Amino acid sequence: MKEIVIYSTPTCVYCNMAKTFFKSNGVAYKDFNVAADLDKRKEMIDKTGQMGVPVIDMGGEIVVGFDESKIREVLNIK
């Protein structure tokens, strides 16, 4: 399984939807709160060039926003 990293903020509805999706599909992930962690915020911006959340890094494949069909495709979840 690819390492999953989600850059999120506590109040982001789409971030919470992504985390719920991962939990309901048994996908382990690391969550970084970019509202509080300035180093992780910079890392996220360096990866994507933007400040929108969620940013989901799946083994180097980046998805900005909660695009369930793309996430399913990348992780091979039916």
PDB file of N, CA and C in Angstrom:
ATOM      1  N   MET A   1       0.857  -1.188   0.000  1.00  0.00           N
ATOM      2  CA  MET A   1       0.000   0.000   0.000  1.00  0.00           C
ATOM      3  C   MET A   1       0.892   1.236   0.000  1.00  0.00           C
ATOM      4  N   LYS A   2       0.481   2.224  -0.758  1.00  0.00           N
ATOM      5  CA  LYS A   2       1.215   3.487  -0.831  1.00  0.00           C
ATOM      6  C   LYS A   2       1.061   4.257   0.476  1.00  0.00           C
ATOM      7  N   GLU A   3       2.089   5.041   0.814  1.00  0.00           N
ATOM      8  CA  GLU A   3       1.961   5.919   1.974  1.00  0.00           C
ATOM      9  C   GLU A   3       1.023   7.070   1.611  1.00  0.00           C
ATOM     10  N   ILE A   4       0.042   7.299   2.462  1.00  0.00           N
ATOM     11  CA  ILE A   4      -0.955   8.345   2.228  1.00  0.00           C
ATOM     12  C   ILE A   4      -0.713   9.468   3.226  1.00  0.00           C
ATOM     13  N   VAL A   5      -0.593  10.684   2.703  1.00  0.00           N
ATOM     14  CA  VAL A   5      -0.454  11.872   3.533  1.00  0.00           C
ATOM     15  C   VAL A   5      -1.548  12.842   3.115  1.00  0.00           C
ATOM     16  N   ILE A   6      -2.269  13.353   4.099  1.00  0.00           N
ATOM     17  CA  ILE A   6      -3.287  14.368   3.810  1.00  0.00           C
ATOM     18  C   ILE A   6      -2.914  15.642   4.564  1.00  0.00           C
ATOM     19  N   TYR A   7      -2.851  16.725   3.807  1.00  0.00           N
ATOM     20  CA  TYR A   7      -2.634  18.058   4.377  1.00  0.00           C
ATOM     21  C   TYR A   7      -4.018  18.669   4.499  1.00  0.00           C
ATOM     22  N   SER A   8      -4.390  19.042   5.707  1.00  0.00           N
ATOM     23  CA  SER A   8      -5.767  19.463   5.940  1.00  0.00           C
ATOM     24  C   SER A   8      -5.839  20.581   6.967  1.00  0.00           C
ATOM     25  N   THR A   9      -7.059  21.069   7.161  1.00  0.00           N
ATOM     26  CA  THR A   9      -7.351  21.981   8.261  1.00  0.00           C
ATOM     27  C   THR A   9      -8.564  21.423   9.003  1.00  0.00           C
ATOM     28  N   PRO A  10      -8.695  21.725  10.288  1.00  0.00           N
ATOM     29  CA  PRO A  10      -9.788  21.149  11.085  1.00  0.00           C
ATOM     30  C   PRO A  10     -11.190  21.531  10.600  1.00  0.00           C
ATOM     31  N   THR A  11     -11.335  22.702   9.992  1.00  0.00           N
ATOM     32  CA  THR A  11     -12.667  23.174   9.607  1.00  0.00           C
ATOM     33  C   THR A  11     -13.036  22.859   8.159  1.00  0.00           C
ATOM     34  N   CYS A  12     -12.166  22.180   7.442  1.00  0.00           N
ATOM     35  CA  CYS A  12     -12.386  21.895   6.023  1.00  0.00           C
ATOM     36  C   CYS A  12     -13.322  20.693   5.853  1.00  0.00           C
ATOM     37  N   VAL A  13     -14.481  20.934   5.279  1.00  0.00           N
ATOM     38  CA  VAL A  13     -15.466  19.876   5.061  1.00  0.00           C
ATOM     39  C   VAL A  13     -14.901  18.786   4.154  1.00  0.00           C
ATOM     40  N   TYR A  14     -14.213  19.166   3.084  1.00  0.00           N
ATOM     41  CA  TYR A  14     -13.693  18.182   2.139  1.00  0.00           C
ATOM     42  C   TYR A  14     -12.533  17.383   2.737  1.00  0.00           C
ATOM     43  N   CYS A  15     -11.773  18.010   3.619  1.00  0.00           N
ATOM     44  CA  CYS A  15     -10.712  17.288   4.343  1.00  0.00           C
ATOM     45  C   CYS A  15     -11.344  16.193   5.192  1.00  0.00           C
ATOM     46  N   ASN A  16     -12.398  16.552   5.912  1.00  0.00           N
ATOM     47  CA  ASN A  16     -13.076  15.580   6.769  1.00  0.00           C
ATOM     48  C   ASN A  16     -13.729  14.478   5.942  1.00  0.00           C
ATOM     49  N   MET A  17     -14.258  14.810   4.778  1.00  0.00           N
ATOM     50  CA  MET A  17     -14.822  13.790   3.893  1.00  0.00           C
ATOM     51  C   MET A  17     -13.735  12.815   3.442  1.00  0.00           C
ATOM     52  N   ALA A  18     -12.571  13.328   3.111  1.00  0.00           N
ATOM     53  CA  ALA A  18     -11.460  12.474   2.672  1.00  0.00           C
ATOM     54  C   ALA A  18     -11.036  11.540   3.802  1.00  0.00           C
ATOM     55  N   LYS A  19     -10.907  12.076   5.011  1.00  0.00           N
ATOM     56  CA  LYS A  19     -10.493  11.246   6.150  1.00  0.00           C
ATOM     57  C   LYS A  19     -11.542  10.184   6.463  1.00  0.00           C
ATOM     58  N   THR A  20     -12.809  10.536   6.372  1.00  0.00           N
ATOM     59  CA  THR A  20     -13.881   9.562   6.574  1.00  0.00           C
ATOM     60  C   THR A  20     -13.821   8.470   5.506  1.00  0.00           C
ATOM     61  N   PHE A  21     -13.574   8.859   4.271  1.00  0.00           N
ATOM     62  CA  PHE A  21     -13.434   7.894   3.180  1.00  0.00           C
ATOM     63  C   PHE A  21     -12.295   6.920   3.478  1.00  0.00           C
ATOM     64  N   PHE A  22     -11.135   7.445   3.877  1.00  0.00           N
ATOM     65  CA  PHE A  22      -9.995   6.573   4.181  1.00  0.00           C
ATOM     66  C   PHE A  22     -10.331   5.609   5.316  1.00  0.00           C
ATOM     67  N   LYS A  23     -10.934   6.134   6.374  1.00  0.00           N
ATOM     68  CA  LYS A  23     -11.279   5.287   7.517  1.00  0.00           C
ATOM     69  C   LYS A  23     -12.261   4.194   7.113  1.00  0.00           C
ATOM     70  N   SER A  24     -13.283   4.551   6.350  1.00  0.00           N
ATOM     71  CA  SER A  24     -14.308   3.566   5.985  1.00  0.00           C
ATOM     72  C   SER A  24     -13.776   2.516   5.012  1.00  0.00           C
ATOM     73  N   ASN A  25     -12.656   2.811   4.353  1.00  0.00           N
ATOM     74  CA  ASN A  25     -12.050   1.853   3.430  1.00  0.00           C
ATOM     75  C   ASN A  25     -10.782   1.213   4.002  1.00  0.00           C
ATOM     76  N   GLY A  26     -10.529   1.422   5.287  1.00  0.00           N
ATOM     77  CA  GLY A  26      -9.395   0.801   5.955  1.00  0.00           C
ATOM     78  C   GLY A  26      -8.037   1.264   5.448  1.00  0.00           C
ATOM     79  N   VAL A  27      -7.965   2.524   5.004  1.00  0.00           N
ATOM     80  CA  VAL A  27      -6.721   3.075   4.466  1.00  0.00           C
ATOM     81  C   VAL A  27      -6.027   3.892   5.554  1.00  0.00           C
ATOM     82  N   ALA A  28      -4.814   3.479   5.904  1.00  0.00           N
ATOM     83  CA  ALA A  28      -4.027   4.218   6.894  1.00  0.00           C
ATOM     84  C   ALA A  28      -3.474   5.485   6.247  1.00  0.00           C
ATOM     85  N   TYR A  29      -3.433   6.561   7.011  1.00  0.00           N
ATOM     86  CA  TYR A  29      -2.931   7.825   6.472  1.00  0.00           C
ATOM     87  C   TYR A  29      -2.315   8.656   7.584  1.00  0.00           C
ATOM     88  N   LYS A  30      -1.436   9.570   7.183  1.00  0.00           N
ATOM     89  CA  LYS A  30      -0.889  10.574   8.094  1.00  0.00           C
ATOM     90  C   LYS A  30      -1.603  11.874   7.801  1.00  0.00           C
ATOM     91  N   ASP A  31      -2.005  12.574   8.840  1.00  0.00           N
ATOM     92  CA  ASP A  31      -2.750  13.824   8.693  1.00  0.00           C
ATOM     93  C   ASP A  31      -1.925  14.966   9.266  1.00  0.00           C
ATOM     94  N   PHE A  32      -1.736  16.001   8.465  1.00  0.00           N
ATOM     95  CA  PHE A  32      -1.018  17.182   8.925  1.00  0.00           C
ATOM     96  C   PHE A  32      -1.943  18.391   8.861  1.00  0.00           C
ATOM     97  N   ASN A  33      -2.103  19.060   9.999  1.00  0.00           N
ATOM     98  CA  ASN A  33      -2.935  20.255  10.104  1.00  0.00           C
ATOM     99  C   ASN A  33      -2.106  21.457   9.656  1.00  0.00           C
ATOM    100  N   VAL A  34      -2.322  21.889   8.428  1.00  0.00           N
ATOM    101  CA  VAL A  34      -1.519  22.988   7.880  1.00  0.00           C
ATOM    102  C   VAL A  34      -1.951  24.353   8.397  1.00  0.00           C
ATOM    103  N   ALA A  35      -3.037  24.406   9.153  1.00  0.00           N
ATOM    104  CA  ALA A  35      -3.416  25.663   9.812  1.00  0.00           C
ATOM    105  C   ALA A  35      -2.488  25.929  10.992  1.00  0.00           C
ATOM    106  N   ALA A  36      -1.951  24.865  11.594  1.00  0.00           N
ATOM    107  CA  ALA A  36      -1.104  25.008  12.776  1.00  0.00           C
ATOM    108  C   ALA A  36       0.367  24.692  12.505  1.00  0.00           C
ATOM    109  N   ASP A  37       0.636  23.839  11.539  1.00  0.00           N
ATOM    110  CA  ASP A  37       2.003  23.377  11.270  1.00  0.00           C
ATOM    111  C   ASP A  37       2.564  24.101  10.047  1.00  0.00           C
ATOM    112  N   LEU A  38       3.324  25.153  10.289  1.00  0.00           N
ATOM    113  CA  LEU A  38       3.827  25.998   9.202  1.00  0.00           C
ATOM    114  C   LEU A  38       4.816  25.259   8.300  1.00  0.00           C
ATOM    115  N   ASP A  39       5.603  24.349   8.869  1.00  0.00           N
ATOM    116  CA  ASP A  39       6.540  23.575   8.049  1.00  0.00           C
ATOM    117  C   ASP A  39       5.790  22.674   7.070  1.00  0.00           C
ATOM    118  N   LYS A  40       4.738  22.027   7.546  1.00  0.00           N
ATOM    119  CA  LYS A  40       3.942  21.153   6.669  1.00  0.00           C
ATOM    120  C   LYS A  40       3.162  21.984   5.649  1.00  0.00           C
ATOM    121  N   ARG A  41       2.730  23.192   6.036  1.00  0.00           N
ATOM    122  CA  ARG A  41       2.060  24.073   5.075  1.00  0.00           C
ATOM    123  C   ARG A  41       3.015  24.422   3.931  1.00  0.00           C
ATOM    124  N   LYS A  42       4.268  24.755   4.280  1.00  0.00           N
ATOM    125  CA  LYS A  42       5.261  25.063   3.252  1.00  0.00           C
ATOM    126  C   LYS A  42       5.519  23.841   2.374  1.00  0.00           C
ATOM    127  N   GLU A  43       5.613  22.670   2.983  1.00  0.00           N
ATOM    128  CA  GLU A  43       5.819  21.425   2.235  1.00  0.00           C
ATOM    129  C   GLU A  43       4.680  21.213   1.241  1.00  0.00           C
ATOM    130  N   MET A  44       3.442  21.439   1.682  1.00  0.00           N
ATOM    131  CA  MET A  44       2.271  21.284   0.822  1.00  0.00           C
ATOM    132  C   MET A  44       2.329  22.258  -0.351  1.00  0.00           C
ATOM    133  N   ILE A  45       2.653  23.510  -0.075  1.00  0.00           N
ATOM    134  CA  ILE A  45       2.726  24.526  -1.126  1.00  0.00           C
ATOM    135  C   ILE A  45       3.853  24.204  -2.099  1.00  0.00           C
ATOM    136  N   ASP A  46       4.977  23.734  -1.582  1.00  0.00           N
ATOM    137  CA  ASP A  46       6.091  23.346  -2.455  1.00  0.00           C
ATOM    138  C   ASP A  46       5.692  22.208  -3.395  1.00  0.00           C
ATOM    139  N   LYS A  47       4.873  21.284  -2.906  1.00  0.00           N
ATOM    140  CA  LYS A  47       4.438  20.138  -3.729  1.00  0.00           C
ATOM    141  C   LYS A  47       3.430  20.543  -4.797  1.00  0.00           C
ATOM    142  N   THR A  48       2.555  21.504  -4.468  1.00  0.00           N
ATOM    143  CA  THR A  48       1.416  21.780  -5.350  1.00  0.00           C
ATOM    144  C   THR A  48       1.385  23.186  -5.926  1.00  0.00           C
ATOM    145  N   GLY A  49       2.067  24.122  -5.284  1.00  0.00           N
ATOM    146  CA  GLY A  49       2.007  25.502  -5.728  1.00  0.00           C
ATOM    147  C   GLY A  49       0.737  26.216  -5.320  1.00  0.00           C
ATOM    148  N   GLN A  50      -0.057  25.613  -4.439  1.00  0.00           N
ATOM    149  CA  GLN A  50      -1.298  26.258  -4.021  1.00  0.00           C
ATOM    150  C   GLN A  50      -1.581  26.009  -2.549  1.00  0.00           C
ATOM    151  N   MET A  51      -2.557  26.760  -2.023  1.00  0.00           N
ATOM    152  CA  MET A  51      -2.866  26.689  -0.598  1.00  0.00           C
ATOM    153  C   MET A  51      -4.189  25.993  -0.308  1.00  0.00           C
ATOM    154  N   GLY A  52      -4.903  25.534  -1.319  1.00  0.00           N
ATOM    155  CA  GLY A  52      -6.180  24.860  -1.101  1.00  0.00           C
ATOM    156  C   GLY A  52      -5.990  23.510  -0.437  1.00  0.00           C
ATOM    157  N   VAL A  53      -6.918  23.143   0.428  1.00  0.00           N
ATOM    158  CA  VAL A  53      -6.900  21.832   1.081  1.00  0.00           C
ATOM    159  C   VAL A  53      -8.202  21.096   0.778  1.00  0.00           C
ATOM    160  N   PRO A  54      -8.227  19.796   0.873  1.00  0.00           N
ATOM    161  CA  PRO A  54      -7.109  18.939   1.212  1.00  0.00           C
ATOM    162  C   PRO A  54      -6.150  18.745   0.037  1.00  0.00           C
ATOM    163  N   VAL A  55      -4.909  18.493   0.378  1.00  0.00           N
ATOM    164  CA  VAL A  55      -3.930  17.990  -0.575  1.00  0.00           C
ATOM    165  C   VAL A  55      -3.617  16.577  -0.105  1.00  0.00           C
ATOM    166  N   ILE A  56      -3.801  15.624  -0.994  1.00  0.00           N
ATOM    167  CA  ILE A  56      -3.594  14.221  -0.656  1.00  0.00           C
ATOM    168  C   ILE A  56      -2.447  13.696  -1.505  1.00  0.00           C
ATOM    169  N   ASP A  57      -1.414  13.218  -0.825  1.00  0.00           N
ATOM    170  CA  ASP A  57      -0.237  12.657  -1.482  1.00  0.00           C
ATOM    171  C   ASP A  57      -0.284  11.145  -1.288  1.00  0.00           C
ATOM    172  N   MET A  58      -0.454  10.438  -2.402  1.00  0.00           N
ATOM    173  CA  MET A  58      -0.547   8.985  -2.353  1.00  0.00           C
ATOM    174  C   MET A  58       0.680   8.408  -3.048  1.00  0.00           C
ATOM    175  N   GLY A  59       1.738   8.251  -2.281  1.00  0.00           N
ATOM    176  CA  GLY A  59       2.969   7.704  -2.837  1.00  0.00           C
ATOM    177  C   GLY A  59       3.541   8.545  -3.957  1.00  0.00           C
ATOM    178  N   GLY A  60       3.397   9.864  -3.841  1.00  0.00           N
ATOM    179  CA  GLY A  60       3.922  10.775  -4.854  1.00  0.00           C
ATOM    180  C   GLY A  60       2.894  11.226  -5.873  1.00  0.00           C
ATOM    181  N   GLU A  61       1.744  10.585  -5.898  1.00  0.00           N
ATOM    182  CA  GLU A  61       0.653  11.019  -6.770  1.00  0.00           C
ATOM    183  C   GLU A  61      -0.230  11.967  -5.966  1.00  0.00           C
ATOM    184  N   ILE A  62      -0.356  13.197  -6.443  1.00  0.00           N
ATOM    185  CA  ILE A  62      -1.026  14.265  -5.695  1.00  0.00           C
ATOM    186  C   ILE A  62      -2.446  14.474  -6.217  1.00  0.00           C
ATOM    187  N   VAL A  63      -3.386  14.574  -5.280  1.00  0.00           N
ATOM    188  CA  VAL A  63      -4.761  14.958  -5.597  1.00  0.00           C
ATOM    189  C   VAL A  63      -5.075  16.163  -4.735  1.00  0.00           C
ATOM    190  N   VAL A  64      -5.523  17.237  -5.369  1.00  0.00           N
ATOM    191  CA  VAL A  64      -5.935  18.437  -4.644  1.00  0.00           C
ATOM    192  C   VAL A  64      -7.458  18.418  -4.575  1.00  0.00           C
ATOM    193  N   GLY A  65      -7.983  18.522  -3.369  1.00  0.00           N
ATOM    194  CA  GLY A  65      -9.425  18.414  -3.175  1.00  0.00           C
ATOM    195  C   GLY A  65      -9.805  16.970  -2.917  1.00  0.00           C
ATOM    196  N   PHE A  66     -11.073  16.750  -2.625  1.00  0.00           N
ATOM    197  CA  PHE A  66     -11.555  15.384  -2.392  1.00  0.00           C
ATOM    198  C   PHE A  66     -12.190  14.883  -3.680  1.00  0.00           C
ATOM    199  N   ASP A  67     -11.383  14.212  -4.494  1.00  0.00           N
ATOM    200  CA  ASP A  67     -11.834  13.617  -5.754  1.00  0.00           C
ATOM    201  C   ASP A  67     -11.897  12.114  -5.533  1.00  0.00           C
ATOM    202  N   GLU A  68     -13.049  11.644  -5.057  1.00  0.00           N
ATOM    203  CA  GLU A  68     -13.181  10.241  -4.656  1.00  0.00           C
ATOM    204  C   GLU A  68     -12.853   9.274  -5.785  1.00  0.00           C
ATOM    205  N   SER A  69     -13.316   9.552  -6.987  1.00  0.00           N
ATOM    206  CA  SER A  69     -13.051   8.627  -8.093  1.00  0.00           C
ATOM    207  C   SER A  69     -11.553   8.545  -8.401  1.00  0.00           C
ATOM    208  N   LYS A  70     -10.848   9.656  -8.344  1.00  0.00           N
ATOM    209  CA  LYS A  70      -9.403   9.659  -8.588  1.00  0.00           C
ATOM    210  C   LYS A  70      -8.678   8.906  -7.467  1.00  0.00           C
ATOM    211  N   ILE A  71      -9.092   9.125  -6.233  1.00  0.00           N
ATOM    212  CA  ILE A  71      -8.469   8.436  -5.101  1.00  0.00           C
ATOM    213  C   ILE A  71      -8.690   6.931  -5.223  1.00  0.00           C
ATOM    214  N   ARG A  72      -9.914   6.528  -5.560  1.00  0.00           N
ATOM    215  CA  ARG A  72     -10.208   5.097  -5.760  1.00  0.00           C
ATOM    216  C   ARG A  72      -9.319   4.515  -6.863  1.00  0.00           C
ATOM    217  N   GLU A  73      -9.156   5.266  -7.932  1.00  0.00           N
ATOM    218  CA  GLU A  73      -8.325   4.806  -9.045  1.00  0.00           C
ATOM    219  C   GLU A  73      -6.869   4.629  -8.608  1.00  0.00           C
ATOM    220  N   VAL A  74      -6.312   5.624  -7.948  1.00  0.00           N
ATOM    221  CA  VAL A  74      -4.903   5.581  -7.538  1.00  0.00           C
ATOM    222  C   VAL A  74      -4.661   4.439  -6.540  1.00  0.00           C
ATOM    223  N   LEU A  75      -5.609   4.242  -5.612  1.00  0.00           N
ATOM    224  CA  LEU A  75      -5.443   3.220  -4.573  1.00  0.00           C
ATOM    225  C   LEU A  75      -6.051   1.873  -4.942  1.00  0.00           C
ATOM    226  N   ASN A  76      -6.626   1.800  -6.143  1.00  0.00           N
ATOM    227  CA  ASN A  76      -7.254   0.567  -6.632  1.00  0.00           C
ATOM    228  C   ASN A  76      -8.325   0.065  -5.649  1.00  0.00           C
ATOM    229  N   ILE A  77      -9.218   0.983  -5.265  1.00  0.00           N
ATOM    230  CA  ILE A  77     -10.341   0.659  -4.388  1.00  0.00           C
ATOM    231  C   ILE A  77     -11.579   0.619  -5.266  1.00  0.00           C
ATOM    232  N   LYS A  78     -12.272  -0.482  -5.236  1.00  0.00           N
ATOM    233  CA  LYS A  78     -13.484  -0.635  -6.066  1.00  0.00           C
ATOM    234  C   LYS A  78     -14.677   0.073  -5.465  1.00  0.00           C
TER     235      LYS A  78
END
